[in-house]
Amino acid sequence: MKDYEKLINDVEFWAEERKLNTATTSSKQMLKLQEEVGELAQAYLKGYPDKFTDSIGDIQVVLIILCMQQGVNYHKCLEDAHNVIKERRGKLVAGSYIKESDANN
């Protein structure tokens, strides 16, 4: 299996070859993201494991291209999100993670 950094770079290269990174608007990419999330939900609800994993990958590809179009670093987005959650405390309630700060309010 390829390393994650290499995969991201390969997706970026693929998008650049097709000039997807130079789109003047990201509205089509946003629609594509919604489509892929819908396919993920459908795969989950209908119990299609192959379609589920395919949708996860497709969502990441769309997000990488969206970041390119918006001039945002995909790696930094993921790192920033991790930095926010890494020290987060909470508990699982009925299948949902409740942040400690939300549970106290």
N, C-alpha and C. Protein backbone atom coordinates (compact mmCIF):
# COMPACT_ATOMS: atom_id res chain seq x y z
N MET A 1 0.85 -1.18 0.00
CA MET A 1 0.00 0.00 0.00
C MET A 1 0.89 1.24 0.00
N LYS A 2 0.50 2.22 -0.80
CA LYS A 2 1.26 3.47 -0.89
C LYS A 2 1.16 4.24 0.42
N ASP A 3 2.17 5.01 0.67
CA ASP A 3 2.13 5.89 1.84
C ASP A 3 1.15 7.04 1.56
N TYR A 4 0.52 7.53 2.60
CA TYR A 4 -0.56 8.52 2.48
C TYR A 4 -0.09 9.80 1.78
N GLU A 5 1.10 10.27 2.12
CA GLU A 5 1.65 11.46 1.47
C GLU A 5 1.77 11.26 -0.03
N LYS A 6 2.26 10.10 -0.45
CA LYS A 6 2.42 9.79 -1.87
C LYS A 6 1.07 9.77 -2.56
N LEU A 7 0.07 9.19 -1.90
CA LEU A 7 -1.27 9.15 -2.49
C LEU A 7 -1.84 10.55 -2.69
N ILE A 8 -1.67 11.40 -1.70
CA ILE A 8 -2.15 12.78 -1.82
C ILE A 8 -1.45 13.48 -2.98
N ASN A 9 -0.14 13.31 -3.06
CA ASN A 9 0.63 13.92 -4.16
C ASN A 9 0.17 13.37 -5.51
N ASP A 10 -0.11 12.08 -5.58
CA ASP A 10 -0.59 11.48 -6.83
C ASP A 10 -1.95 12.05 -7.24
N VAL A 11 -2.84 12.24 -6.27
CA VAL A 11 -4.15 12.83 -6.56
C VAL A 11 -3.96 14.27 -7.04
N GLU A 12 -3.09 15.02 -6.38
CA GLU A 12 -2.84 16.41 -6.79
C GLU A 12 -2.29 16.46 -8.21
N PHE A 13 -1.37 15.56 -8.53
CA PHE A 13 -0.80 15.50 -9.88
C PHE A 13 -1.89 15.17 -10.90
N TRP A 14 -2.74 14.19 -10.58
CA TRP A 14 -3.85 13.80 -11.45
C TRP A 14 -4.76 14.99 -11.72
N ALA A 15 -5.08 15.74 -10.66
CA ALA A 15 -5.96 16.91 -10.79
C ALA A 15 -5.30 18.00 -11.63
N GLU A 16 -4.00 18.20 -11.43
CA GLU A 16 -3.27 19.21 -12.21
C GLU A 16 -3.25 18.84 -13.69
N GLU A 17 -3.04 17.57 -13.99
CA GLU A 17 -3.03 17.12 -15.39
C GLU A 17 -4.35 17.43 -16.09
N ARG A 18 -5.43 17.39 -15.34
CA ARG A 18 -6.77 17.63 -15.89
C ARG A 18 -7.24 19.06 -15.66
N LYS A 19 -6.34 19.86 -15.10
CA LYS A 19 -6.59 21.28 -14.82
C LYS A 19 -7.78 21.52 -13.87
N LEU A 20 -8.07 20.52 -13.05
CA LEU A 20 -9.15 20.65 -12.06
C LEU A 20 -8.78 21.66 -10.98
N ASN A 21 -7.50 21.82 -10.75
CA ASN A 21 -7.03 22.75 -9.72
C ASN A 21 -7.20 24.21 -10.12
N THR A 22 -7.45 24.47 -11.40
CA THR A 22 -7.54 25.86 -11.87
C THR A 22 -8.98 26.34 -12.07
N ALA A 23 -9.94 25.57 -11.64
CA ALA A 23 -11.34 25.97 -11.80
C ALA A 23 -11.56 27.33 -11.14
N THR A 24 -12.29 28.20 -11.83
CA THR A 24 -12.51 29.55 -11.30
C THR A 24 -13.55 29.56 -10.18
N THR A 25 -14.31 28.50 -10.08
CA THR A 25 -15.27 28.37 -8.99
C THR A 25 -15.23 26.92 -8.50
N SER A 26 -15.51 26.74 -7.25
CA SER A 26 -15.51 25.40 -6.67
C SER A 26 -16.92 24.84 -6.51
N SER A 27 -17.91 25.49 -7.12
CA SER A 27 -19.28 25.04 -6.93
C SER A 27 -19.50 23.62 -7.44
N LYS A 28 -18.88 23.28 -8.55
CA LYS A 28 -19.02 21.91 -9.07
C LYS A 28 -18.36 20.89 -8.14
N GLN A 29 -17.25 21.28 -7.55
CA GLN A 29 -16.57 20.39 -6.62
C GLN A 29 -17.40 20.20 -5.35
N MET A 30 -18.07 21.26 -4.92
CA MET A 30 -18.95 21.16 -3.75
C MET A 30 -20.12 20.23 -4.05
N LEU A 31 -20.68 20.33 -5.24
CA LEU A 31 -21.76 19.42 -5.63
C LEU A 31 -21.27 17.98 -5.68
N LYS A 32 -20.07 17.79 -6.20
CA LYS A 32 -19.47 16.46 -6.27
C LYS A 32 -19.27 15.89 -4.86
N LEU A 33 -18.86 16.73 -3.94
CA LEU A 33 -18.69 16.29 -2.56
C LEU A 33 -20.02 15.81 -1.98
N GLN A 34 -21.08 16.57 -2.21
CA GLN A 34 -22.40 16.18 -1.71
C GLN A 34 -22.85 14.86 -2.33
N GLU A 35 -22.58 14.71 -3.61
CA GLU A 35 -22.93 13.46 -4.31
C GLU A 35 -22.20 12.27 -3.67
N GLU A 36 -20.92 12.45 -3.44
CA GLU A 36 -20.12 11.35 -2.87
C GLU A 36 -20.55 11.02 -1.44
N VAL A 37 -20.88 12.03 -0.66
CA VAL A 37 -21.35 11.79 0.71
C VAL A 37 -22.69 11.04 0.66
N GLY A 38 -23.55 11.40 -0.29
CA GLY A 38 -24.81 10.68 -0.47
C GLY A 38 -24.58 9.22 -0.82
N GLU A 39 -23.62 8.97 -1.69
CA GLU A 39 -23.29 7.59 -2.05
C GLU A 39 -22.73 6.83 -0.85
N LEU A 40 -21.96 7.50 -0.02
CA LEU A 40 -21.44 6.87 1.19
C LEU A 40 -22.59 6.48 2.12
N ALA A 41 -23.53 7.39 2.32
CA ALA A 41 -24.68 7.11 3.18
C ALA A 41 -25.49 5.94 2.64
N GLN A 42 -25.71 5.94 1.35
CA GLN A 42 -26.47 4.85 0.73
C GLN A 42 -25.74 3.52 0.90
N ALA A 43 -24.44 3.49 0.67
CA ALA A 43 -23.67 2.27 0.82
C ALA A 43 -23.72 1.76 2.26
N TYR A 44 -23.63 2.68 3.21
CA TYR A 44 -23.70 2.30 4.62
C TYR A 44 -25.07 1.72 4.96
N LEU A 45 -26.11 2.45 4.57
CA LEU A 45 -27.47 2.04 4.93
C LEU A 45 -27.90 0.74 4.24
N LYS A 46 -27.40 0.50 3.04
CA LYS A 46 -27.77 -0.71 2.30
C LYS A 46 -26.81 -1.86 2.52
N GLY A 47 -25.73 -1.58 3.26
CA GLY A 47 -24.78 -2.65 3.58
C GLY A 47 -23.92 -3.09 2.41
N TYR A 48 -23.42 -2.11 1.62
CA TYR A 48 -22.54 -2.41 0.49
C TYR A 48 -21.10 -2.04 0.86
N PRO A 49 -20.35 -2.97 1.45
CA PRO A 49 -19.00 -2.62 1.94
C PRO A 49 -18.04 -2.13 0.85
N ASP A 50 -18.11 -2.70 -0.35
CA ASP A 50 -17.21 -2.24 -1.42
C ASP A 50 -17.52 -0.81 -1.84
N LYS A 51 -18.80 -0.50 -1.96
CA LYS A 51 -19.21 0.86 -2.32
C LYS A 51 -18.89 1.84 -1.19
N PHE A 52 -18.98 1.36 0.04
CA PHE A 52 -18.65 2.19 1.21
C PHE A 52 -17.19 2.64 1.14
N THR A 53 -16.29 1.68 0.95
CA THR A 53 -14.86 2.03 0.92
C THR A 53 -14.53 2.87 -0.31
N ASP A 54 -15.17 2.59 -1.45
CA ASP A 54 -14.98 3.39 -2.64
C ASP A 54 -15.40 4.84 -2.39
N SER A 55 -16.51 5.02 -1.70
CA SER A 55 -17.01 6.37 -1.41
C SER A 55 -16.07 7.13 -0.49
N ILE A 56 -15.50 6.45 0.48
CA ILE A 56 -14.54 7.11 1.38
C ILE A 56 -13.37 7.66 0.56
N GLY A 57 -12.84 6.85 -0.34
CA GLY A 57 -11.75 7.31 -1.20
C GLY A 57 -12.15 8.45 -2.10
N ASP A 58 -13.35 8.34 -2.71
CA ASP A 58 -13.83 9.39 -3.60
C ASP A 58 -13.98 10.72 -2.85
N ILE A 59 -14.47 10.66 -1.63
CA ILE A 59 -14.64 11.88 -0.83
C ILE A 59 -13.29 12.55 -0.59
N GLN A 60 -12.27 11.74 -0.29
CA GLN A 60 -10.94 12.32 -0.07
C GLN A 60 -10.39 12.96 -1.34
N VAL A 61 -10.60 12.32 -2.49
CA VAL A 61 -10.14 12.90 -3.75
C VAL A 61 -10.82 14.25 -3.98
N VAL A 62 -12.12 14.30 -3.78
CA VAL A 62 -12.86 15.54 -3.98
C VAL A 62 -12.35 16.62 -3.01
N LEU A 63 -12.12 16.26 -1.77
CA LEU A 63 -11.62 17.23 -0.78
C LEU A 63 -10.23 17.75 -1.15
N ILE A 64 -9.37 16.87 -1.62
CA ILE A 64 -8.03 17.30 -2.03
C ILE A 64 -8.13 18.31 -3.18
N ILE A 65 -8.97 18.01 -4.17
CA ILE A 65 -9.14 18.92 -5.31
C ILE A 65 -9.78 20.23 -4.85
N LEU A 66 -10.76 20.16 -3.99
CA LEU A 66 -11.39 21.37 -3.45
C LEU A 66 -10.36 22.25 -2.75
N CYS A 67 -9.50 21.64 -1.96
CA CYS A 67 -8.44 22.40 -1.30
C CYS A 67 -7.52 23.06 -2.32
N MET A 68 -7.17 22.34 -3.37
CA MET A 68 -6.32 22.91 -4.40
C MET A 68 -6.99 24.13 -5.03
N GLN A 69 -8.27 24.00 -5.34
CA GLN A 69 -9.01 25.09 -5.97
C GLN A 69 -9.09 26.32 -5.07
N GLN A 70 -9.16 26.09 -3.78
CA GLN A 70 -9.30 27.19 -2.83
C GLN A 70 -7.97 27.69 -2.28
N GLY A 71 -6.87 27.06 -2.70
CA GLY A 71 -5.56 27.48 -2.22
C GLY A 71 -5.33 27.13 -0.76
N VAL A 72 -5.94 26.04 -0.34
CA VAL A 72 -5.84 25.58 1.05
C VAL A 72 -5.02 24.30 1.07
N ASN A 73 -4.16 24.16 2.04
CA ASN A 73 -3.32 22.98 2.14
C ASN A 73 -4.09 21.85 2.83
N TYR A 74 -4.34 20.77 2.09
CA TYR A 74 -5.08 19.62 2.61
C TYR A 74 -4.42 19.04 3.86
N HIS A 75 -3.10 18.90 3.81
CA HIS A 75 -2.36 18.35 4.95
C HIS A 75 -2.59 19.21 6.20
N LYS A 76 -2.53 20.52 6.01
CA LYS A 76 -2.70 21.45 7.15
C LYS A 76 -4.11 21.36 7.71
N CYS A 77 -5.10 21.22 6.83
CA CYS A 77 -6.49 21.07 7.31
C CYS A 77 -6.61 19.85 8.23
N LEU A 78 -6.04 18.74 7.79
CA LEU A 78 -6.09 17.51 8.58
C LEU A 78 -5.30 17.66 9.87
N GLU A 79 -4.13 18.26 9.78
CA GLU A 79 -3.30 18.48 10.97
C GLU A 79 -4.00 19.41 11.97
N ASP A 80 -4.59 20.48 11.47
CA ASP A 80 -5.30 21.42 12.35
C ASP A 80 -6.48 20.73 13.04
N ALA A 81 -7.22 19.92 12.29
CA ALA A 81 -8.35 19.20 12.89
C ALA A 81 -7.86 18.23 13.96
N HIS A 82 -6.76 17.55 13.68
CA HIS A 82 -6.20 16.63 14.67
C HIS A 82 -5.76 17.36 15.92
N ASN A 83 -5.13 18.52 15.73
CA ASN A 83 -4.68 19.30 16.88
C ASN A 83 -5.84 19.74 17.76
N VAL A 84 -7.00 19.97 17.15
CA VAL A 84 -8.19 20.36 17.92
C VAL A 84 -8.73 19.17 18.72
N ILE A 85 -8.75 17.99 18.11
CA ILE A 85 -9.39 16.85 18.76
C ILE A 85 -8.48 15.99 19.63
N LYS A 86 -7.16 16.10 19.45
CA LYS A 86 -6.26 15.14 20.10
C LYS A 86 -6.32 15.14 21.62
N GLU A 87 -6.65 16.26 22.20
CA GLU A 87 -6.74 16.32 23.67
C GLU A 87 -8.19 16.35 24.14
N ARG A 88 -9.11 16.25 23.22
CA ARG A 88 -10.54 16.34 23.54
C ARG A 88 -10.95 15.15 24.41
N ARG A 89 -11.72 15.45 25.40
CA ARG A 89 -12.25 14.41 26.29
C ARG A 89 -13.76 14.39 26.14
N GLY A 90 -14.34 13.26 26.40
CA GLY A 90 -15.79 13.11 26.33
C GLY A 90 -16.16 11.66 26.54
N LYS A 91 -17.38 11.33 26.10
CA LYS A 91 -17.82 9.95 26.27
C LYS A 91 -18.80 9.60 25.16
N LEU A 92 -18.93 8.30 24.94
CA LEU A 92 -19.85 7.79 23.94
C LEU A 92 -21.21 7.60 24.59
N VAL A 93 -22.22 8.24 24.04
CA VAL A 93 -23.59 8.14 24.55
C VAL A 93 -24.49 7.73 23.40
N ALA A 94 -25.10 6.57 23.51
CA ALA A 94 -26.01 6.06 22.48
C ALA A 94 -25.39 6.11 21.09
N GLY A 95 -24.10 5.79 21.00
CA GLY A 95 -23.41 5.75 19.72
C GLY A 95 -22.87 7.08 19.23
N SER A 96 -23.07 8.16 19.98
CA SER A 96 -22.54 9.47 19.60
C SER A 96 -21.52 9.94 20.62
N TYR A 97 -20.42 10.51 20.12
CA TYR A 97 -19.39 11.04 21.01
C TYR A 97 -19.81 12.43 21.47
N ILE A 98 -19.91 12.59 22.76
CA ILE A 98 -20.28 13.87 23.37
C ILE A 98 -19.05 14.48 24.01
N LYS A 99 -18.67 15.67 23.49
CA LYS A 99 -17.51 16.36 24.08
C LYS A 99 -17.81 16.70 25.53
N GLU A 100 -16.77 16.61 26.35
CA GLU A 100 -16.90 16.94 27.76
C GLU A 100 -17.48 18.34 27.94
N SER A 101 -17.02 19.30 27.13
CA SER A 101 -17.50 20.68 27.25
C SER A 101 -19.00 20.77 26.92
N ASP A 102 -19.47 19.96 25.98
CA ASP A 102 -20.89 19.96 25.64
C ASP A 102 -21.72 19.26 26.72
N ALA A 103 -21.17 18.24 27.30
CA ALA A 103 -21.88 17.49 28.34
C ALA A 103 -22.07 18.33 29.58
N ASN A 104 -21.18 19.28 29.81
CA ASN A 104 -21.27 20.13 31.00
C ASN A 104 -22.21 21.30 30.81
N ASN A 105 -22.67 21.52 29.59
CA ASN A 105 -23.57 22.66 29.31
C ASN A 105 -25.02 22.24 29.33
